[in-house]
Amino acid sequence: MKRVFRHVLGWSLLLLGIIGLFLPVLQGILFILAGMAILAPEIPLFRRFLSAMQLRYPSVFKKVEQFRKKYRLMFSKKKKTSSGSS
């Protein structure tokens, strides 16, 4: 389920980013980077691209890493279940 959600969210952000490249309202690059950051654990091409970007643009990669950490924290929290006895 997590994997499907990751793919839907990541590809949606990539699509928004591509559309945003042509529209002045959306920041296309930010959506593309966010989509790549979400899909990087699943798709080796994006993982390699992000590691190359880390070497070339360390300040941009720092922001992408912050987004990835926030994303991981947001979805890694386990739901607390209360087991009540009757």
PDB file of N, CA and C in Angstrom:
ATOM      1  N   MET A   1       0.822  -1.188   0.000  1.00  0.00           N
ATOM      2  CA  MET A   1       0.000   0.000   0.000  1.00  0.00           C
ATOM      3  C   MET A   1       0.873   1.262   0.000  1.00  0.00           C
ATOM      4  N   LYS A   2       1.941   1.257   0.829  1.00  0.00           N
ATOM      5  CA  LYS A   2       2.852   2.402   0.868  1.00  0.00           C
ATOM      6  C   LYS A   2       3.518   2.619  -0.485  1.00  0.00           C
ATOM      7  N   ARG A   3       3.883   1.503  -1.101  1.00  0.00           N
ATOM      8  CA  ARG A   3       4.579   1.585  -2.375  1.00  0.00           C
ATOM      9  C   ARG A   3       3.677   2.188  -3.456  1.00  0.00           C
ATOM     10  N   VAL A   4       2.433   1.780  -3.458  1.00  0.00           N
ATOM     11  CA  VAL A   4       1.479   2.316  -4.431  1.00  0.00           C
ATOM     12  C   VAL A   4       1.277   3.811  -4.188  1.00  0.00           C
ATOM     13  N   PHE A   5       1.121   4.188  -2.922  1.00  0.00           N
ATOM     14  CA  PHE A   5       0.940   5.595  -2.581  1.00  0.00           C
ATOM     15  C   PHE A   5       2.161   6.408  -2.995  1.00  0.00           C
ATOM     16  N   ARG A   6       3.349   5.851  -2.768  1.00  0.00           N
ATOM     17  CA  ARG A   6       4.583   6.550  -3.152  1.00  0.00           C
ATOM     18  C   ARG A   6       4.628   6.774  -4.654  1.00  0.00           C
ATOM     19  N   HIS A   7       4.259   5.751  -5.418  1.00  0.00           N
ATOM     20  CA  HIS A   7       4.280   5.892  -6.870  1.00  0.00           C
ATOM     21  C   HIS A   7       3.237   6.895  -7.351  1.00  0.00           C
ATOM     22  N   VAL A   8       2.038   6.834  -6.809  1.00  0.00           N
ATOM     23  CA  VAL A   8       0.993   7.767  -7.223  1.00  0.00           C
ATOM     24  C   VAL A   8       1.400   9.198  -6.898  1.00  0.00           C
ATOM     25  N   LEU A   9       1.875   9.420  -5.692  1.00  0.00           N
ATOM     26  CA  LEU A   9       2.281  10.765  -5.288  1.00  0.00           C
ATOM     27  C   LEU A   9       3.483  11.252  -6.094  1.00  0.00           C
ATOM     28  N   GLY A  10       4.484  10.407  -6.240  1.00  0.00           N
ATOM     29  CA  GLY A  10       5.703  10.790  -6.964  1.00  0.00           C
ATOM     30  C   GLY A  10       5.446  11.103  -8.428  1.00  0.00           C
ATOM     31  N   TRP A  11       4.705  10.229  -9.111  1.00  0.00           N
ATOM     32  CA  TRP A  11       4.427  10.475 -10.521  1.00  0.00           C
ATOM     33  C   TRP A  11       3.500  11.659 -10.710  1.00  0.00           C
ATOM     34  N   SER A  12       2.588  11.870  -9.772  1.00  0.00           N
ATOM     35  CA  SER A  12       1.708  13.047  -9.847  1.00  0.00           C
ATOM     36  C   SER A  12       2.526  14.336  -9.733  1.00  0.00           C
ATOM     37  N   LEU A  13       3.474  14.347  -8.797  1.00  0.00           N
ATOM     38  CA  LEU A  13       4.322  15.527  -8.651  1.00  0.00           C
ATOM     39  C   LEU A  13       5.194  15.747  -9.887  1.00  0.00           C
ATOM     40  N   LEU A  14       5.693  14.661 -10.463  1.00  0.00           N
ATOM     41  CA  LEU A  14       6.484  14.805 -11.692  1.00  0.00           C
ATOM     42  C   LEU A  14       5.634  15.371 -12.823  1.00  0.00           C
ATOM     43  N   LEU A  15       4.417  14.886 -12.955  1.00  0.00           N
ATOM     44  CA  LEU A  15       3.527  15.397 -13.996  1.00  0.00           C
ATOM     45  C   LEU A  15       3.211  16.868 -13.768  1.00  0.00           C
ATOM     46  N   LEU A  16       2.922  17.227 -12.522  1.00  0.00           N
ATOM     47  CA  LEU A  16       2.688  18.639 -12.200  1.00  0.00           C
ATOM     48  C   LEU A  16       3.924  19.485 -12.518  1.00  0.00           C
ATOM     49  N   GLY A  17       5.091  18.936 -12.251  1.00  0.00           N
ATOM     50  CA  GLY A  17       6.327  19.651 -12.541  1.00  0.00           C
ATOM     51  C   GLY A  17       6.530  19.885 -14.021  1.00  0.00           C
ATOM     52  N   ILE A  18       6.223  18.883 -14.823  1.00  0.00           N
ATOM     53  CA  ILE A  18       6.359  19.038 -16.274  1.00  0.00           C
ATOM     54  C   ILE A  18       5.369  20.080 -16.785  1.00  0.00           C
ATOM     55  N   ILE A  19       4.144  20.036 -16.278  1.00  0.00           N
ATOM     56  CA  ILE A  19       3.159  21.052 -16.645  1.00  0.00           C
ATOM     57  C   ILE A  19       3.626  22.426 -16.159  1.00  0.00           C
ATOM     58  N   GLY A  20       4.193  22.455 -14.950  1.00  0.00           N
ATOM     59  CA  GLY A  20       4.661  23.710 -14.376  1.00  0.00           C
ATOM     60  C   GLY A  20       5.811  24.343 -15.121  1.00  0.00           C
ATOM     61  N   LEU A  21       6.531  23.571 -15.907  1.00  0.00           N
ATOM     62  CA  LEU A  21       7.610  24.145 -16.715  1.00  0.00           C
ATOM     63  C   LEU A  21       7.059  25.103 -17.772  1.00  0.00           C
ATOM     64  N   PHE A  22       5.820  24.862 -18.194  1.00  0.00           N
ATOM     65  CA  PHE A  22       5.228  25.674 -19.253  1.00  0.00           C
ATOM     66  C   PHE A  22       4.251  26.729 -18.730  1.00  0.00           C
ATOM     67  N   LEU A  23       3.837  26.601 -17.489  1.00  0.00           N
ATOM     68  CA  LEU A  23       2.921  27.574 -16.902  1.00  0.00           C
ATOM     69  C   LEU A  23       3.684  28.489 -15.952  1.00  0.00           C
ATOM     70  N   PRO A  24       3.426  29.784 -16.020  1.00  0.00           N
ATOM     71  CA  PRO A  24       4.162  30.705 -15.146  1.00  0.00           C
ATOM     72  C   PRO A  24       3.718  30.649 -13.686  1.00  0.00           C
ATOM     73  N   VAL A  25       2.598  30.014 -13.401  1.00  0.00           N
ATOM     74  CA  VAL A  25       2.060  29.988 -12.044  1.00  0.00           C
ATOM     75  C   VAL A  25       2.755  28.930 -11.184  1.00  0.00           C
ATOM     76  N   LEU A  26       3.015  27.758 -11.746  1.00  0.00           N
ATOM     77  CA  LEU A  26       3.618  26.654 -10.994  1.00  0.00           C
ATOM     78  C   LEU A  26       5.137  26.694 -11.069  1.00  0.00           C
ATOM     79  N   GLN A  27       5.778  26.293 -10.007  1.00  0.00           N
ATOM     80  CA  GLN A  27       7.232  26.144  -9.991  1.00  0.00           C
ATOM     81  C   GLN A  27       7.562  24.706 -10.394  1.00  0.00           C
ATOM     82  N   GLY A  28       7.753  24.488 -11.681  1.00  0.00           N
ATOM     83  CA  GLY A  28       7.933  23.151 -12.215  1.00  0.00           C
ATOM     84  C   GLY A  28       9.117  22.403 -11.641  1.00  0.00           C
ATOM     85  N   ILE A  29      10.240  23.070 -11.482  1.00  0.00           N
ATOM     86  CA  ILE A  29      11.455  22.418 -10.987  1.00  0.00           C
ATOM     87  C   ILE A  29      11.244  21.870  -9.583  1.00  0.00           C
ATOM     88  N   LEU A  30      10.566  22.622  -8.741  1.00  0.00           N
ATOM     89  CA  LEU A  30      10.333  22.156  -7.367  1.00  0.00           C
ATOM     90  C   LEU A  30       9.483  20.894  -7.337  1.00  0.00           C
ATOM     91  N   PHE A  31       8.435  20.853  -8.171  1.00  0.00           N
ATOM     92  CA  PHE A  31       7.592  19.660  -8.225  1.00  0.00           C
ATOM     93  C   PHE A  31       8.360  18.472  -8.789  1.00  0.00           C
ATOM     94  N   ILE A  32       9.205  18.713  -9.771  1.00  0.00           N
ATOM     95  CA  ILE A  32      10.001  17.623 -10.347  1.00  0.00           C
ATOM     96  C   ILE A  32      10.971  17.079  -9.310  1.00  0.00           C
ATOM     97  N   LEU A  33      11.645  17.963  -8.597  1.00  0.00           N
ATOM     98  CA  LEU A  33      12.586  17.506  -7.568  1.00  0.00           C
ATOM     99  C   LEU A  33      11.870  16.758  -6.443  1.00  0.00           C
ATOM    100  N   ALA A  34      10.704  17.247  -6.049  1.00  0.00           N
ATOM    101  CA  ALA A  34       9.944  16.565  -5.003  1.00  0.00           C
ATOM    102  C   ALA A  34       9.494  15.183  -5.479  1.00  0.00           C
ATOM    103  N   GLY A  35       9.038  15.092  -6.706  1.00  0.00           N
ATOM    104  CA  GLY A  35       8.634  13.797  -7.258  1.00  0.00           C
ATOM    105  C   GLY A  35       9.793  12.828  -7.349  1.00  0.00           C
ATOM    106  N   MET A  36      10.948  13.332  -7.777  1.00  0.00           N
ATOM    107  CA  MET A  36      12.136  12.480  -7.854  1.00  0.00           C
ATOM    108  C   MET A  36      12.575  12.024  -6.470  1.00  0.00           C
ATOM    109  N   ALA A  37      12.496  12.919  -5.503  1.00  0.00           N
ATOM    110  CA  ALA A  37      12.896  12.556  -4.144  1.00  0.00           C
ATOM    111  C   ALA A  37      11.993  11.467  -3.580  1.00  0.00           C
ATOM    112  N   ILE A  38      10.719  11.529  -3.896  1.00  0.00           N
ATOM    113  CA  ILE A  38       9.789  10.512  -3.403  1.00  0.00           C
ATOM    114  C   ILE A  38       9.989   9.187  -4.125  1.00  0.00           C
ATOM    115  N   LEU A  39      10.278   9.237  -5.414  1.00  0.00           N
ATOM    116  CA  LEU A  39      10.436   8.010  -6.194  1.00  0.00           C
ATOM    117  C   LEU A  39      11.844   7.418  -6.141  1.00  0.00           C
ATOM    118  N   ALA A  40      12.806   8.145  -5.631  1.00  0.00           N
ATOM    119  CA  ALA A  40      14.198   7.684  -5.629  1.00  0.00           C
ATOM    120  C   ALA A  40      14.402   6.321  -4.957  1.00  0.00           C
ATOM    121  N   PRO A  41      13.749   6.008  -3.838  1.00  0.00           N
ATOM    122  CA  PRO A  41      13.966   4.677  -3.262  1.00  0.00           C
ATOM    123  C   PRO A  41      13.479   3.533  -4.156  1.00  0.00           C
ATOM    124  N   GLU A  42      12.556   3.810  -5.049  1.00  0.00           N
ATOM    125  CA  GLU A  42      11.985   2.772  -5.904  1.00  0.00           C
ATOM    126  C   GLU A  42      12.623   2.698  -7.288  1.00  0.00           C
ATOM    127  N   ILE A  43      13.091   3.834  -7.810  1.00  0.00           N
ATOM    128  CA  ILE A  43      13.562   3.897  -9.195  1.00  0.00           C
ATOM    129  C   ILE A  43      15.045   4.272  -9.216  1.00  0.00           C
ATOM    130  N   PRO A  44      15.894   3.349  -9.656  1.00  0.00           N
ATOM    131  CA  PRO A  44      17.347   3.594  -9.638  1.00  0.00           C
ATOM    132  C   PRO A  44      17.778   4.812 -10.455  1.00  0.00           C
ATOM    133  N   LEU A  45      17.102   5.105 -11.554  1.00  0.00           N
ATOM    134  CA  LEU A  45      17.460   6.263 -12.371  1.00  0.00           C
ATOM    135  C   LEU A  45      17.359   7.552 -11.564  1.00  0.00           C
ATOM    136  N   PHE A  46      16.287   7.714 -10.807  1.00  0.00           N
ATOM    137  CA  PHE A  46      16.124   8.905  -9.982  1.00  0.00           C
ATOM    138  C   PHE A  46      17.118   8.908  -8.834  1.00  0.00           C
ATOM    139  N   ARG A  47      17.436   7.746  -8.289  1.00  0.00           N
ATOM    140  CA  ARG A  47      18.426   7.653  -7.210  1.00  0.00           C
ATOM    141  C   ARG A  47      19.790   8.107  -7.707  1.00  0.00           C
ATOM    142  N   ARG A  48      20.183   7.645  -8.905  1.00  0.00           N
ATOM    143  CA  ARG A  48      21.470   8.060  -9.482  1.00  0.00           C
ATOM    144  C   ARG A  48      21.483   9.546  -9.792  1.00  0.00           C
ATOM    145  N   PHE A  49      20.369  10.054 -10.313  1.00  0.00           N
ATOM    146  CA  PHE A  49      20.290  11.475 -10.631  1.00  0.00           C
ATOM    147  C   PHE A  49      20.431  12.317  -9.374  1.00  0.00           C
ATOM    148  N   LEU A  50      19.764  11.913  -8.301  1.00  0.00           N
ATOM    149  CA  LEU A  50      19.852  12.684  -7.064  1.00  0.00           C
ATOM    150  C   LEU A  50      21.246  12.621  -6.454  1.00  0.00           C
ATOM    151  N   SER A  51      21.929  11.487  -6.590  1.00  0.00           N
ATOM    152  CA  SER A  51      23.291  11.425  -6.051  1.00  0.00           C
ATOM    153  C   SER A  51      24.240  12.286  -6.881  1.00  0.00           C
ATOM    154  N   ALA A  52      24.036  12.353  -8.195  1.00  0.00           N
ATOM    155  CA  ALA A  52      24.851  13.229  -9.038  1.00  0.00           C
ATOM    156  C   ALA A  52      24.548  14.691  -8.725  1.00  0.00           C
ATOM    157  N   MET A  53      23.281  14.980  -8.462  1.00  0.00           N
ATOM    158  CA  MET A  53      22.904  16.347  -8.121  1.00  0.00           C
ATOM    159  C   MET A  53      23.521  16.766  -6.791  1.00  0.00           C
ATOM    160  N   GLN A  54      23.664  15.825  -5.886  1.00  0.00           N
ATOM    161  CA  GLN A  54      24.271  16.124  -4.590  1.00  0.00           C
ATOM    162  C   GLN A  54      25.700  16.618  -4.772  1.00  0.00           C
ATOM    163  N   LEU A  55      26.425  16.020  -5.682  1.00  0.00           N
ATOM    164  CA  LEU A  55      27.807  16.436  -5.916  1.00  0.00           C
ATOM    165  C   LEU A  55      27.884  17.787  -6.628  1.00  0.00           C
ATOM    166  N   ARG A  56      26.953  18.015  -7.553  1.00  0.00           N
ATOM    167  CA  ARG A  56      27.025  19.236  -8.355  1.00  0.00           C
ATOM    168  C   ARG A  56      26.379  20.445  -7.681  1.00  0.00           C
ATOM    169  N   TYR A  57      25.241  20.230  -7.016  1.00  0.00           N
ATOM    170  CA  TYR A  57      24.499  21.320  -6.378  1.00  0.00           C
ATOM    171  C   TYR A  57      24.186  20.958  -4.923  1.00  0.00           C
ATOM    172  N   PRO A  58      25.139  21.066  -4.034  1.00  0.00           N
ATOM    173  CA  PRO A  58      24.909  20.639  -2.651  1.00  0.00           C
ATOM    174  C   PRO A  58      23.826  21.438  -1.932  1.00  0.00           C
ATOM    175  N   SER A  59      23.656  22.710  -2.241  1.00  0.00           N
ATOM    176  CA  SER A  59      22.637  23.506  -1.539  1.00  0.00           C
ATOM    177  C   SER A  59      21.224  23.076  -1.951  1.00  0.00           C
ATOM    178  N   VAL A  60      21.037  22.767  -3.223  1.00  0.00           N
ATOM    179  CA  VAL A  60      19.724  22.297  -3.685  1.00  0.00           C
ATOM    180  C   VAL A  60      19.440  20.923  -3.110  1.00  0.00           C
ATOM    181  N   PHE A  61      20.437  20.066  -3.100  1.00  0.00           N
ATOM    182  CA  PHE A  61      20.239  18.716  -2.598  1.00  0.00           C
ATOM    183  C   PHE A  61      19.891  18.737  -1.112  1.00  0.00           C
ATOM    184  N   LYS A  62      20.439  19.703  -0.404  1.00  0.00           N
ATOM    185  CA  LYS A  62      20.130  19.819   1.020  1.00  0.00           C
ATOM    186  C   LYS A  62      18.630  20.040   1.222  1.00  0.00           C
ATOM    187  N   LYS A  63      18.016  20.857   0.378  1.00  0.00           N
ATOM    188  CA  LYS A  63      16.576  21.099   0.466  1.00  0.00           C
ATOM    189  C   LYS A  63      15.777  19.850   0.098  1.00  0.00           C
ATOM    190  N   VAL A  64      16.248  19.132  -0.900  1.00  0.00           N
ATOM    191  CA  VAL A  64      15.566  17.890  -1.286  1.00  0.00           C
ATOM    192  C   VAL A  64      15.650  16.874  -0.154  1.00  0.00           C
ATOM    193  N   GLU A  65      16.798  16.774   0.475  1.00  0.00           N
ATOM    194  CA  GLU A  65      16.958  15.845   1.599  1.00  0.00           C
ATOM    195  C   GLU A  65      16.048  16.216   2.769  1.00  0.00           C
ATOM    196  N   GLN A  66      15.886  17.501   3.020  1.00  0.00           N
ATOM    197  CA  GLN A  66      14.980  17.939   4.087  1.00  0.00           C
ATOM    198  C   GLN A  66      13.550  17.511   3.766  1.00  0.00           C
ATOM    199  N   PHE A  67      13.163  17.625   2.518  1.00  0.00           N
ATOM    200  CA  PHE A  67      11.828  17.197   2.103  1.00  0.00           C
ATOM    201  C   PHE A  67      11.672  15.691   2.287  1.00  0.00           C
ATOM    202  N   ARG A  68      12.694  14.930   1.898  1.00  0.00           N
ATOM    203  CA  ARG A  68      12.627  13.473   2.040  1.00  0.00           C
ATOM    204  C   ARG A  68      12.523  13.057   3.496  1.00  0.00           C
ATOM    205  N   LYS A  69      13.271  13.712   4.368  1.00  0.00           N
ATOM    206  CA  LYS A  69      13.204  13.394   5.793  1.00  0.00           C
ATOM    207  C   LYS A  69      11.823  13.711   6.350  1.00  0.00           C
ATOM    208  N   LYS A  70      11.282  14.837   5.944  1.00  0.00           N
ATOM    209  CA  LYS A  70       9.949  15.218   6.406  1.00  0.00           C
ATOM    210  C   LYS A  70       8.913  14.208   5.912  1.00  0.00           C
ATOM    211  N   TYR A  71       9.046  13.782   4.667  1.00  0.00           N
ATOM    212  CA  TYR A  71       8.142  12.800   4.081  1.00  0.00           C
ATOM    213  C   TYR A  71       8.230  11.476   4.837  1.00  0.00           C
ATOM    214  N   ARG A  72       9.459  11.046   5.131  1.00  0.00           N
ATOM    215  CA  ARG A  72       9.649   9.790   5.865  1.00  0.00           C
ATOM    216  C   ARG A  72       9.038   9.864   7.252  1.00  0.00           C
ATOM    217  N   LEU A  73       9.271  10.969   7.951  1.00  0.00           N
ATOM    218  CA  LEU A  73       8.714  11.121   9.294  1.00  0.00           C
ATOM    219  C   LEU A  73       7.193  11.132   9.262  1.00  0.00           C
ATOM    220  N   MET A  74       6.650  11.772   8.260  1.00  0.00           N
ATOM    221  CA  MET A  74       5.205  11.902   8.173  1.00  0.00           C
ATOM    222  C   MET A  74       4.543  10.536   7.974  1.00  0.00           C
ATOM    223  N   PHE A  75       5.152   9.656   7.196  1.00  0.00           N
ATOM    224  CA  PHE A  75       4.527   8.385   6.876  1.00  0.00           C
ATOM    225  C   PHE A  75       5.111   7.201   7.636  1.00  0.00           C
ATOM    226  N   SER A  76       6.152   7.419   8.423  1.00  0.00           N
ATOM    227  CA  SER A  76       6.717   6.307   9.172  1.00  0.00           C
ATOM    228  C   SER A  76       6.087   6.157  10.548  1.00  0.00           C
ATOM    229  N   LYS A  77       5.323   7.165  10.968  1.00  0.00           N
ATOM    230  CA  LYS A  77       4.666   7.074  12.262  1.00  0.00           C
ATOM    231  C   LYS A  77       3.604   5.981  12.202  1.00  0.00           C
ATOM    232  N   LYS A  78       3.692   5.085  13.125  1.00  0.00           N
ATOM    233  CA  LYS A  78       2.707   4.009  13.174  1.00  0.00           C
ATOM    234  C   LYS A  78       1.479   4.486  13.909  1.00  0.00           C
ATOM    235  N   LYS A  79       0.361   4.035  13.431  1.00  0.00           N
ATOM    236  CA  LYS A  79      -0.882   4.414  14.095  1.00  0.00           C
ATOM    237  C   LYS A  79      -0.962   3.677  15.427  1.00  0.00           C
ATOM    238  N   LYS A  80      -1.286   4.438  16.428  1.00  0.00           N
ATOM    239  CA  LYS A  80      -1.417   3.852  17.744  1.00  0.00           C
ATOM    240  C   LYS A  80      -2.799   3.219  17.845  1.00  0.00           C
ATOM    241  N   THR A  81      -2.806   1.971  18.233  1.00  0.00           N
ATOM    242  CA  THR A  81      -4.085   1.303  18.404  1.00  0.00           C
ATOM    243  C   THR A  81      -4.309   1.037  19.878  1.00  0.00           C
ATOM    244  N   SER A  82      -5.476   1.333  20.319  1.00  0.00           N
ATOM    245  CA  SER A  82      -5.787   1.083  21.725  1.00  0.00           C
ATOM    246  C   SER A  82      -6.591  -0.203  21.799  1.00  0.00           C
ATOM    247  N   SER A  83      -6.068  -1.133  22.526  1.00  0.00           N
ATOM    248  CA  SER A  83      -6.760  -2.401  22.671  1.00  0.00           C
ATOM    249  C   SER A  83      -7.583  -2.355  23.954  1.00  0.00           C
ATOM    250  N   GLY A  84      -8.846  -2.201  23.786  1.00  0.00           N
ATOM    251  CA  GLY A  84      -9.743  -2.125  24.940  1.00  0.00           C
ATOM    252  C   GLY A  84     -10.388  -3.479  25.204  1.00  0.00           C
ATOM    253  N   SER A  85     -10.509  -3.823  26.435  1.00  0.00           N
ATOM    254  CA  SER A  85     -11.161  -5.098  26.753  1.00  0.00           C
ATOM    255  C   SER A  85     -12.588  -4.833  27.149  1.00  0.00           C
ATOM    256  N   SER A  86     -13.475  -5.779  26.824  1.00  0.00           N
ATOM    257  CA  SER A  86     -14.885  -5.592  27.123  1.00  0.00           C
ATOM    258  C   SER A  86     -15.254  -6.000  28.506  1.00  0.00           C
TER     259      SER A  86
END
